[in-house]
Amino acid sequence: MQKLCLAVTIFGLLAMAGVAGEEAATFKPDDEGFIRNWLVVGPIALGEKAATHEEDSQKEFFDKEFWTGQKKAMPKNGDKVTVDGKELAWKAVAAEEFALNFVKIYDGQTTTNSLVLGVAYVVADADMDGLKLKTGSDDSAMWTLNDKELKRFYASRAVEKDQDTIEAVTLKKGVNVLRMAVINGDGEYGACARFTDKDDKPVTNLKISLTPPAD
């Protein structure tokens, strides 16, 4: 009996260590600089108004906090939030190609007229000025870096590489919090992002973490 209890205890400790190791893992951008690893939560139903991809229709959804503290949330895999009485969990995901495909990620759930939020912790070894953040989205998207909103794009389109470019972006030494909010009308939807230098060369000497920085 003692041996059995000891074995169970050891197994439990190893399992916990494995989870901790997975959460502490860091990833690299791909060779083109695309960030493939993200934490996402959703889909959040928005209603018919979100079907019109214009600022007058969708601005309120980018402005809104769907739960207290959403705009500055520092989630980790498995963290739960409640939106309109429905519990949702942050989920660690990896893009199969350059862009996340939310239809695959949320297979079987409502994706029409909905919102998905994403976070990636981008770790830089030194301050990096004068960068570009190149993004793509299906459909509309808002991008935020270190709690500063960078840009909103209102569009009905398929996601492609480098559809939009945000100039004069700075990564500080250490952890940078990159956030996206993507509104889908119907059909396929997804998003992609990468940093490049001023000459449009991909920035690949970064680490991507899915674990929030320690206080």
C-alpha atoms as a PDB file:
ATOM      1  CA  MET A   1       0.000   0.000   0.000  1.00  0.00           C
ATOM      2  CA  GLN A   2       2.834   2.374   0.881  1.00  0.00           C
ATOM      3  CA  LYS A   3       4.551   1.585  -2.428  1.00  0.00           C
ATOM      4  CA  LEU A   4       1.310   2.282  -4.295  1.00  0.00           C
ATOM      5  CA  CYS A   5       0.840   5.605  -2.529  1.00  0.00           C
ATOM      6  CA  LEU A   6       4.456   6.536  -3.261  1.00  0.00           C
ATOM      7  CA  ALA A   7       4.024   5.661  -6.931  1.00  0.00           C
ATOM      8  CA  VAL A   8       0.854   7.738  -7.186  1.00  0.00           C
ATOM      9  CA  THR A   9       2.589  10.674  -5.513  1.00  0.00           C
ATOM     10  CA  ILE A  10       5.577  10.484  -7.862  1.00  0.00           C
ATOM     11  CA  PHE A  11       3.293  10.228 -10.895  1.00  0.00           C
ATOM     12  CA  GLY A  12       1.350  13.275  -9.734  1.00  0.00           C
ATOM     13  CA  LEU A  13       4.520  15.306  -9.210  1.00  0.00           C
ATOM     14  CA  LEU A  14       5.814  14.362 -12.648  1.00  0.00           C
ATOM     15  CA  ALA A  15       2.503  15.321 -14.232  1.00  0.00           C
ATOM     16  CA  MET A  16       2.560  18.687 -12.477  1.00  0.00           C
ATOM     17  CA  ALA A  17       6.147  19.236 -13.585  1.00  0.00           C
ATOM     18  CA  GLY A  18       5.169  18.427 -17.149  1.00  0.00           C
ATOM     19  CA  VAL A  19       2.347  20.967 -17.131  1.00  0.00           C
ATOM     20  CA  ALA A  20       4.581  23.600 -15.585  1.00  0.00           C
ATOM     21  CA  GLY A  21       7.288  22.889 -18.160  1.00  0.00           C
ATOM     22  CA  GLU A  22       4.827  23.183 -21.026  1.00  0.00           C
ATOM     23  CA  GLU A  23       3.456  26.482 -19.739  1.00  0.00           C
ATOM     24  CA  ALA A  24       6.995  27.844 -19.277  1.00  0.00           C
ATOM     25  CA  ALA A  25       8.055  26.885 -22.816  1.00  0.00           C
ATOM     26  CA  THR A  26       8.949  29.612 -25.292  1.00  0.00           C
ATOM     27  CA  PHE A  27       8.567  29.553 -29.045  1.00  0.00           C
ATOM     28  CA  LYS A  28      10.195  31.272 -31.982  1.00  0.00           C
ATOM     29  CA  PRO A  29       8.648  33.182 -34.857  1.00  0.00           C
ATOM     30  CA  ASP A  30       8.865  31.247 -38.105  1.00  0.00           C
ATOM     31  CA  ASP A  31      11.456  32.060 -40.786  1.00  0.00           C
ATOM     32  CA  GLU A  32       9.264  34.861 -42.143  1.00  0.00           C
ATOM     33  CA  GLY A  33       8.817  36.293 -38.666  1.00  0.00           C
ATOM     34  CA  PHE A  34       5.187  35.240 -38.225  1.00  0.00           C
ATOM     35  CA  ILE A  35       4.064  34.654 -34.649  1.00  0.00           C
ATOM     36  CA  ARG A  36       2.489  31.215 -34.667  1.00  0.00           C
ATOM     37  CA  ASN A  37       1.789  30.724 -30.955  1.00  0.00           C
ATOM     38  CA  TRP A  38      -1.023  32.590 -29.230  1.00  0.00           C
ATOM     39  CA  LEU A  39      -3.475  32.505 -26.373  1.00  0.00           C
ATOM     40  CA  VAL A  40      -7.022  33.026 -27.641  1.00  0.00           C
ATOM     41  CA  VAL A  41     -10.469  33.272 -26.091  1.00  0.00           C
ATOM     42  CA  GLY A  42     -13.852  33.238 -27.808  1.00  0.00           C
ATOM     43  CA  PRO A  43     -15.909  33.199 -29.837  1.00  0.00           C
ATOM     44  CA  ILE A  44     -18.000  35.991 -28.321  1.00  0.00           C
ATOM     45  CA  ALA A  45     -21.354  36.494 -30.056  1.00  0.00           C
ATOM     46  CA  LEU A  46     -21.937  40.095 -31.199  1.00  0.00           C
ATOM     47  CA  GLY A  47     -25.204  40.020 -33.118  1.00  0.00           C
ATOM     48  CA  GLU A  48     -26.247  41.171 -36.566  1.00  0.00           C
ATOM     49  CA  LYS A  49     -24.743  44.649 -36.204  1.00  0.00           C
ATOM     50  CA  ALA A  50     -21.264  43.132 -36.482  1.00  0.00           C
ATOM     51  CA  ALA A  51     -22.067  41.872 -39.979  1.00  0.00           C
ATOM     52  CA  THR A  52     -21.390  45.337 -41.415  1.00  0.00           C
ATOM     53  CA  HIS A  53     -17.622  45.842 -41.524  1.00  0.00           C
ATOM     54  CA  GLU A  54     -17.572  49.584 -40.989  1.00  0.00           C
ATOM     55  CA  GLU A  55     -16.453  51.758 -38.099  1.00  0.00           C
ATOM     56  CA  ASP A  56     -19.993  52.931 -37.320  1.00  0.00           C
ATOM     57  CA  SER A  57     -21.103  49.325 -36.833  1.00  0.00           C
ATOM     58  CA  GLN A  58     -18.075  47.685 -35.220  1.00  0.00           C
ATOM     59  CA  LYS A  59     -16.306  50.406 -33.234  1.00  0.00           C
ATOM     60  CA  GLU A  60     -18.375  49.688 -30.131  1.00  0.00           C
ATOM     61  CA  PHE A  61     -17.206  46.073 -30.058  1.00  0.00           C
ATOM     62  CA  PHE A  62     -13.538  47.053 -30.095  1.00  0.00           C
ATOM     63  CA  ASP A  63     -14.201  49.690 -27.405  1.00  0.00           C
ATOM     64  CA  LYS A  64     -16.201  47.417 -25.125  1.00  0.00           C
ATOM     65  CA  GLU A  65     -14.846  45.489 -22.152  1.00  0.00           C
ATOM     66  CA  PHE A  66     -16.692  42.177 -22.194  1.00  0.00           C
ATOM     67  CA  TRP A  67     -15.484  41.450 -18.664  1.00  0.00           C
ATOM     68  CA  THR A  68     -13.827  43.629 -16.039  1.00  0.00           C
ATOM     69  CA  GLY A  69     -10.106  44.052 -16.749  1.00  0.00           C
ATOM     70  CA  GLN A  70     -10.270  42.589 -20.256  1.00  0.00           C
ATOM     71  CA  LYS A  71      -8.156  45.316 -21.875  1.00  0.00           C
ATOM     72  CA  LYS A  72      -5.179  44.630 -19.607  1.00  0.00           C
ATOM     73  CA  ALA A  73      -5.716  40.929 -18.985  1.00  0.00           C
ATOM     74  CA  MET A  74      -2.528  38.858 -18.671  1.00  0.00           C
ATOM     75  CA  PRO A  75      -3.940  35.376 -19.240  1.00  0.00           C
ATOM     76  CA  LYS A  76      -2.367  31.966 -19.241  1.00  0.00           C
ATOM     77  CA  ASN A  77      -3.630  28.751 -20.774  1.00  0.00           C
ATOM     78  CA  GLY A  78      -6.827  27.601 -19.086  1.00  0.00           C
ATOM     79  CA  ASP A  79      -7.742  30.886 -17.406  1.00  0.00           C
ATOM     80  CA  LYS A  80     -11.516  31.355 -17.450  1.00  0.00           C
ATOM     81  CA  VAL A  81     -13.683  34.412 -18.006  1.00  0.00           C
ATOM     82  CA  THR A  82     -17.449  34.885 -18.083  1.00  0.00           C
ATOM     83  CA  VAL A  83     -19.093  36.774 -20.938  1.00  0.00           C
ATOM     84  CA  ASP A  84     -22.859  37.239 -21.039  1.00  0.00           C
ATOM     85  CA  GLY A  85     -23.256  34.413 -18.533  1.00  0.00           C
ATOM     86  CA  LYS A  86     -21.133  32.003 -20.579  1.00  0.00           C
ATOM     87  CA  GLU A  87     -17.815  30.693 -19.295  1.00  0.00           C
ATOM     88  CA  LEU A  88     -14.956  30.828 -21.784  1.00  0.00           C
ATOM     89  CA  ALA A  89     -11.369  29.642 -21.375  1.00  0.00           C
ATOM     90  CA  TRP A  90      -8.145  31.045 -22.748  1.00  0.00           C
ATOM     91  CA  LYS A  91      -6.578  28.440 -24.989  1.00  0.00           C
ATOM     92  CA  ALA A  92      -2.981  27.996 -26.164  1.00  0.00           C
ATOM     93  CA  VAL A  93      -2.980  27.479 -29.936  1.00  0.00           C
ATOM     94  CA  ALA A  94      -0.456  27.227 -32.754  1.00  0.00           C
ATOM     95  CA  ALA A  95      -1.002  28.262 -36.357  1.00  0.00           C
ATOM     96  CA  GLU A  96      -0.482  25.486 -38.896  1.00  0.00           C
ATOM     97  CA  GLU A  97       0.656  28.072 -41.432  1.00  0.00           C
ATOM     98  CA  PHE A  98       1.322  31.801 -41.161  1.00  0.00           C
ATOM     99  CA  ALA A  99      -2.162  32.607 -39.826  1.00  0.00           C
ATOM    100  CA  LEU A 100      -4.441  31.287 -37.116  1.00  0.00           C
ATOM    101  CA  ASN A 101      -7.598  29.657 -38.466  1.00  0.00           C
ATOM    102  CA  PHE A 102     -10.365  30.316 -35.955  1.00  0.00           C
ATOM    103  CA  VAL A 103     -12.843  28.070 -37.759  1.00  0.00           C
ATOM    104  CA  LYS A 104     -10.601  25.088 -37.001  1.00  0.00           C
ATOM    105  CA  ILE A 105      -9.823  26.265 -33.482  1.00  0.00           C
ATOM    106  CA  TYR A 106     -13.497  26.710 -32.614  1.00  0.00           C
ATOM    107  CA  ASP A 107     -14.930  23.893 -34.695  1.00  0.00           C
ATOM    108  CA  GLY A 108     -18.578  23.315 -33.879  1.00  0.00           C
ATOM    109  CA  GLN A 109     -19.104  26.650 -32.120  1.00  0.00           C
ATOM    110  CA  THR A 110     -20.863  29.754 -33.378  1.00  0.00           C
ATOM    111  CA  THR A 111     -18.471  31.883 -35.400  1.00  0.00           C
ATOM    112  CA  THR A 112     -20.851  34.140 -37.378  1.00  0.00           C
ATOM    113  CA  ASN A 113     -20.851  37.767 -36.184  1.00  0.00           C
ATOM    114  CA  SER A 114     -18.428  37.006 -33.394  1.00  0.00           C
ATOM    115  CA  LEU A 115     -15.242  38.228 -31.741  1.00  0.00           C
ATOM    116  CA  VAL A 116     -12.035  36.399 -30.820  1.00  0.00           C
ATOM    117  CA  LEU A 117      -9.347  37.935 -28.603  1.00  0.00           C
ATOM    118  CA  GLY A 118      -5.698  36.924 -28.707  1.00  0.00           C
ATOM    119  CA  VAL A 119      -2.556  37.581 -26.656  1.00  0.00           C
ATOM    120  CA  ALA A 120       1.110  36.756 -27.216  1.00  0.00           C
ATOM    121  CA  TYR A 121       3.972  37.648 -24.881  1.00  0.00           C
ATOM    122  CA  VAL A 122       6.824  38.782 -27.142  1.00  0.00           C
ATOM    123  CA  VAL A 123      10.228  38.690 -25.452  1.00  0.00           C
ATOM    124  CA  ALA A 124      13.066  40.843 -26.841  1.00  0.00           C
ATOM    125  CA  ASP A 125      16.692  40.701 -25.736  1.00  0.00           C
ATOM    126  CA  ALA A 126      17.122  44.451 -26.236  1.00  0.00           C
ATOM    127  CA  ASP A 127      15.138  47.573 -27.080  1.00  0.00           C
ATOM    128  CA  MET A 128      14.163  47.541 -30.754  1.00  0.00           C
ATOM    129  CA  ASP A 129      13.005  50.796 -32.357  1.00  0.00           C
ATOM    130  CA  GLY A 130      11.668  51.643 -35.789  1.00  0.00           C
ATOM    131  CA  LEU A 131      10.011  48.290 -36.415  1.00  0.00           C
ATOM    132  CA  LYS A 132       6.917  47.552 -38.457  1.00  0.00           C
ATOM    133  CA  LEU A 133       4.068  45.334 -37.340  1.00  0.00           C
ATOM    134  CA  LYS A 134       2.601  43.679 -40.414  1.00  0.00           C
ATOM    135  CA  THR A 135      -0.769  42.069 -39.934  1.00  0.00           C
ATOM    136  CA  GLY A 136      -3.580  40.369 -41.762  1.00  0.00           C
ATOM    137  CA  SER A 137      -7.111  39.577 -40.665  1.00  0.00           C
ATOM    138  CA  ASP A 138     -10.427  38.062 -41.680  1.00  0.00           C
ATOM    139  CA  ASP A 139     -12.341  40.229 -41.076  1.00  0.00           C
ATOM    140  CA  SER A 140     -11.866  43.440 -39.029  1.00  0.00           C
ATOM    141  CA  ALA A 141      -9.110  43.662 -36.423  1.00  0.00           C
ATOM    142  CA  MET A 142      -7.641  45.829 -33.676  1.00  0.00           C
ATOM    143  CA  TRP A 143      -4.003  45.535 -32.563  1.00  0.00           C
ATOM    144  CA  THR A 144      -2.551  46.671 -29.244  1.00  0.00           C
ATOM    145  CA  LEU A 145       1.025  46.578 -27.948  1.00  0.00           C
ATOM    146  CA  ASN A 146       1.933  47.115 -24.291  1.00  0.00           C
ATOM    147  CA  ASP A 147      -1.531  48.529 -23.557  1.00  0.00           C
ATOM    148  CA  LYS A 148      -1.234  51.100 -26.359  1.00  0.00           C
ATOM    149  CA  GLU A 149      -3.698  50.731 -29.193  1.00  0.00           C
ATOM    150  CA  LEU A 150      -1.829  50.730 -32.496  1.00  0.00           C
ATOM    151  CA  LYS A 151      -4.462  50.499 -35.212  1.00  0.00           C
ATOM    152  CA  ARG A 152      -7.928  49.310 -36.199  1.00  0.00           C
ATOM    153  CA  PHE A 153      -8.805  47.906 -39.585  1.00  0.00           C
ATOM    154  CA  TYR A 154     -12.404  47.599 -40.735  1.00  0.00           C
ATOM    155  CA  ALA A 155     -12.740  45.208 -43.663  1.00  0.00           C
ATOM    156  CA  SER A 156     -14.541  42.197 -45.072  1.00  0.00           C
ATOM    157  CA  ARG A 157     -11.810  40.001 -46.529  1.00  0.00           C
ATOM    158  CA  ALA A 158      -9.849  36.779 -46.415  1.00  0.00           C
ATOM    159  CA  VAL A 159      -6.682  36.831 -44.308  1.00  0.00           C
ATOM    160  CA  GLU A 160      -3.442  37.296 -46.243  1.00  0.00           C
ATOM    161  CA  LYS A 161       0.145  38.127 -45.372  1.00  0.00           C
ATOM    162  CA  ASP A 162       0.988  41.777 -44.723  1.00  0.00           C
ATOM    163  CA  GLN A 163      -2.426  43.210 -45.569  1.00  0.00           C
ATOM    164  CA  ASP A 164      -1.789  46.096 -43.187  1.00  0.00           C
ATOM    165  CA  THR A 165       1.401  47.743 -41.952  1.00  0.00           C
ATOM    166  CA  ILE A 166       1.774  49.652 -38.699  1.00  0.00           C
ATOM    167  CA  GLU A 167       4.879  51.865 -38.753  1.00  0.00           C
ATOM    168  CA  ALA A 168       7.242  53.092 -36.038  1.00  0.00           C
ATOM    169  CA  VAL A 169       6.667  50.270 -33.577  1.00  0.00           C
ATOM    170  CA  THR A 170       8.951  49.765 -30.566  1.00  0.00           C
ATOM    171  CA  LEU A 171       9.662  46.577 -28.658  1.00  0.00           C
ATOM    172  CA  LYS A 172      11.184  47.133 -25.245  1.00  0.00           C
ATOM    173  CA  LYS A 173      13.760  44.849 -23.702  1.00  0.00           C
ATOM    174  CA  GLY A 174      11.936  42.040 -21.914  1.00  0.00           C
ATOM    175  CA  VAL A 175       8.283  41.105 -22.235  1.00  0.00           C
ATOM    176  CA  ASN A 176       5.968  42.932 -24.636  1.00  0.00           C
ATOM    177  CA  VAL A 177       2.250  42.167 -24.635  1.00  0.00           C
ATOM    178  CA  LEU A 178       0.769  41.971 -28.137  1.00  0.00           C
ATOM    179  CA  ARG A 179      -3.025  41.791 -28.306  1.00  0.00           C
ATOM    180  CA  MET A 180      -5.454  41.314 -31.157  1.00  0.00           C
ATOM    181  CA  ALA A 181      -9.223  41.489 -31.432  1.00  0.00           C
ATOM    182  CA  VAL A 182     -10.768  39.986 -34.571  1.00  0.00           C
ATOM    183  CA  ILE A 183     -14.386  40.374 -35.659  1.00  0.00           C
ATOM    184  CA  ASN A 184     -15.846  37.839 -38.067  1.00  0.00           C
ATOM    185  CA  GLY A 185     -18.890  38.344 -40.241  1.00  0.00           C
ATOM    186  CA  ASP A 186     -19.422  34.848 -41.572  1.00  0.00           C
ATOM    187  CA  GLY A 187     -17.452  31.994 -43.111  1.00  0.00           C
ATOM    188  CA  GLU A 188     -13.706  31.639 -42.617  1.00  0.00           C
ATOM    189  CA  TYR A 189     -11.811  33.896 -40.254  1.00  0.00           C
ATOM    190  CA  GLY A 190      -8.334  34.240 -38.808  1.00  0.00           C
ATOM    191  CA  ALA A 191      -5.370  36.556 -38.282  1.00  0.00           C
ATOM    192  CA  CYS A 192      -1.604  36.823 -38.603  1.00  0.00           C
ATOM    193  CA  ALA A 193       1.143  39.139 -37.398  1.00  0.00           C
ATOM    194  CA  ARG A 194       4.873  39.584 -37.716  1.00  0.00           C
ATOM    195  CA  PHE A 195       7.480  42.214 -36.904  1.00  0.00           C
ATOM    196  CA  THR A 196       9.892  43.458 -39.562  1.00  0.00           C
ATOM    197  CA  ASP A 197      12.680  46.011 -39.525  1.00  0.00           C
ATOM    198  CA  LYS A 198      12.541  49.290 -41.438  1.00  0.00           C
ATOM    199  CA  ASP A 199      13.769  47.468 -44.560  1.00  0.00           C
ATOM    200  CA  ASP A 200      10.949  44.907 -44.308  1.00  0.00           C
ATOM    201  CA  LYS A 201      13.273  42.108 -43.216  1.00  0.00           C
ATOM    202  CA  PRO A 202      11.585  39.748 -40.716  1.00  0.00           C
ATOM    203  CA  VAL A 203      12.531  40.029 -37.066  1.00  0.00           C
ATOM    204  CA  THR A 204      13.133  36.462 -35.926  1.00  0.00           C
ATOM    205  CA  ASN A 205      15.392  36.960 -32.893  1.00  0.00           C
ATOM    206  CA  LEU A 206      12.408  37.049 -30.552  1.00  0.00           C
ATOM    207  CA  LYS A 207      10.881  34.586 -28.132  1.00  0.00           C
ATOM    208  CA  ILE A 208       7.149  34.033 -27.868  1.00  0.00           C
ATOM    209  CA  SER A 209       5.830  33.043 -24.459  1.00  0.00           C
ATOM    210  CA  LEU A 210       2.332  31.985 -23.438  1.00  0.00           C
ATOM    211  CA  THR A 211       3.075  32.612 -19.780  1.00  0.00           C
ATOM    212  CA  PRO A 212       2.460  36.098 -18.336  1.00  0.00           C
ATOM    213  CA  PRO A 213       5.511  37.793 -16.807  1.00  0.00           C
ATOM    214  CA  ALA A 214       5.957  37.576 -13.068  1.00  0.00           C
ATOM    215  CA  ASP A 215       4.908  40.675 -11.137  1.00  0.00           C
END
